[in-house]
């Protein structure tokens, strides 16, 4: 099955601001099975709350201290009563799920290029 999305121009991709964030706190969103609310440190960009649908794959305790990429210029969205101020980038297909992370101690807020 080919589920490739349509081609975009470089300028469209360049609009994304993807940064490394360090998860400093995480908890399940009440009355949901899939959502986790994470507090994420982006260095000079500040601290943000981001909701991700990954509770089926990771516990809150497994996320603390992880450095992962987030889209930080996505318009905020209210998800189950919580304002999410970005989007986690991860890899998954069905039951397969993996967090992406740098292989070195990259500072919070570093831009993904």
Protein backbone atom coordinates (compact mmCIF):
# COMPACT_ATOMS: atom_id res chain seq x y z
CA UNK A 1 0.00 0.00 0.00
CA UNK A 2 1.43 3.35 -1.05
CA UNK A 3 0.29 6.02 1.38
CA UNK A 4 2.82 8.64 0.30
CA UNK A 5 1.50 12.17 0.55
CA UNK A 6 1.52 14.54 -2.39
CA UNK A 7 4.72 16.34 -3.32
CA UNK A 8 5.39 19.72 -1.74
CA UNK A 9 7.85 22.45 -2.54
CA UNK A 10 10.92 23.12 -0.36
CA UNK A 11 9.39 26.44 0.74
CA UNK A 12 6.44 24.51 2.24
CA UNK A 13 8.77 22.26 4.24
CA UNK A 14 10.88 25.23 5.31
CA UNK A 15 7.84 26.70 7.09
CA UNK A 16 8.12 23.98 9.77
CA UNK A 17 10.10 24.95 12.86
CA UNK A 18 11.27 21.65 14.34
CA UNK A 19 13.18 21.83 17.63
CA UNK A 20 14.56 19.43 20.19
CA UNK A 21 12.63 19.54 23.43
CA UNK A 22 13.42 17.86 26.74
CA UNK A 23 10.40 16.29 28.43
CA UNK A 24 10.46 17.42 32.07
CA UNK A 25 7.06 16.09 33.17
CA UNK A 26 4.37 13.82 31.74
CA UNK A 27 0.96 12.58 32.81
CA UNK A 28 -2.07 10.87 31.34
CA UNK A 29 -4.88 13.13 30.19
CA UNK A 30 -7.89 12.25 32.39
CA UNK A 31 -10.65 10.14 30.84
CA UNK A 32 -8.53 9.10 27.83
CA UNK A 33 -6.57 5.96 27.00
CA UNK A 34 -4.22 7.38 24.37
CA UNK A 35 -3.27 10.91 25.39
CA UNK A 36 -0.31 12.10 27.43
CA UNK A 37 0.27 15.71 28.48
CA UNK A 38 3.96 16.56 28.50
CA UNK A 39 5.78 19.60 29.83
CA UNK A 40 8.62 20.24 27.41
CA UNK A 41 11.64 22.51 27.83
CA UNK A 42 12.74 24.27 24.63
CA UNK A 43 15.54 26.33 26.17
CA UNK A 44 15.31 29.99 25.08
CA UNK A 45 11.91 29.28 23.48
CA UNK A 46 10.51 28.46 26.93
CA UNK A 47 8.45 25.70 28.47
CA UNK A 48 5.41 24.34 26.60
CA UNK A 49 2.60 21.90 27.20
CA UNK A 50 2.16 19.39 24.38
CA UNK A 51 -0.44 16.63 24.14
CA UNK A 52 0.51 13.49 22.22
CA UNK A 53 -1.43 10.32 21.43
CA UNK A 54 1.30 7.96 22.62
CA UNK A 55 0.00 6.55 25.93
CA UNK A 56 -0.45 3.13 24.29
CA UNK A 57 3.31 3.01 23.62
CA UNK A 58 5.02 4.82 26.51
CA UNK A 59 4.25 5.50 30.16
CA UNK A 60 4.75 9.01 31.51
CA UNK A 61 7.74 7.77 33.53
CA UNK A 62 9.47 6.47 30.39
CA UNK A 63 9.38 9.94 28.81
CA UNK A 64 10.98 12.07 31.54
CA UNK A 65 14.36 13.38 30.38
CA UNK A 66 13.93 12.31 26.73
CA UNK A 67 15.15 14.69 24.04
CA UNK A 68 12.78 14.48 21.08
CA UNK A 69 11.84 16.63 18.08
CA UNK A 70 8.69 18.74 18.08
CA UNK A 71 7.04 21.03 15.56
CA UNK A 72 6.93 24.25 17.58
CA UNK A 73 5.25 26.63 15.14
CA UNK A 74 2.01 24.67 14.82
CA UNK A 75 -1.00 26.73 15.91
CA UNK A 76 -2.10 25.77 19.45
CA UNK A 77 -5.05 23.39 19.68
CA UNK A 78 -7.30 22.43 22.59
CA UNK A 79 -7.27 18.65 22.99
CA UNK A 80 -9.55 17.23 25.70
CA UNK A 81 -9.48 20.53 27.54
CA UNK A 82 -5.68 20.95 27.39
CA UNK A 83 -4.00 23.50 25.12
CA UNK A 84 -1.33 21.70 23.09
CA UNK A 85 1.42 24.05 21.90
CA UNK A 86 3.23 21.85 19.38
CA UNK A 87 3.44 18.34 17.97
CA UNK A 88 5.72 15.45 18.83
CA UNK A 89 7.50 13.82 15.90
CA UNK A 90 7.74 10.03 16.17
CA UNK A 91 7.82 6.98 13.92
CA UNK A 92 5.05 4.43 13.84
CA UNK A 93 3.01 2.00 11.81
CA UNK A 94 0.28 0.00 13.51
CA UNK A 95 1.72 -1.54 16.67
CA UNK A 96 5.25 -0.36 15.86
CA UNK A 97 6.26 2.89 17.54
CA UNK A 98 9.57 4.63 18.19
CA UNK A 99 10.61 8.02 19.48
CA UNK A 100 13.18 9.81 17.39
CA UNK A 101 16.03 11.35 19.32
CA UNK A 102 19.49 12.83 18.73
CA UNK A 103 22.49 10.59 19.36
CA UNK A 104 24.27 13.34 21.32
CA UNK A 105 23.27 15.69 24.17
CA UNK A 106 21.83 18.42 21.99
CA UNK A 107 20.69 21.51 23.96
CA UNK A 108 16.96 22.12 24.39
CA UNK A 109 15.61 24.33 21.63
CA UNK A 110 18.15 23.25 19.00
CA UNK A 111 16.72 23.44 15.48
CA UNK A 112 16.33 20.24 13.48
CA UNK A 113 17.82 20.80 10.04
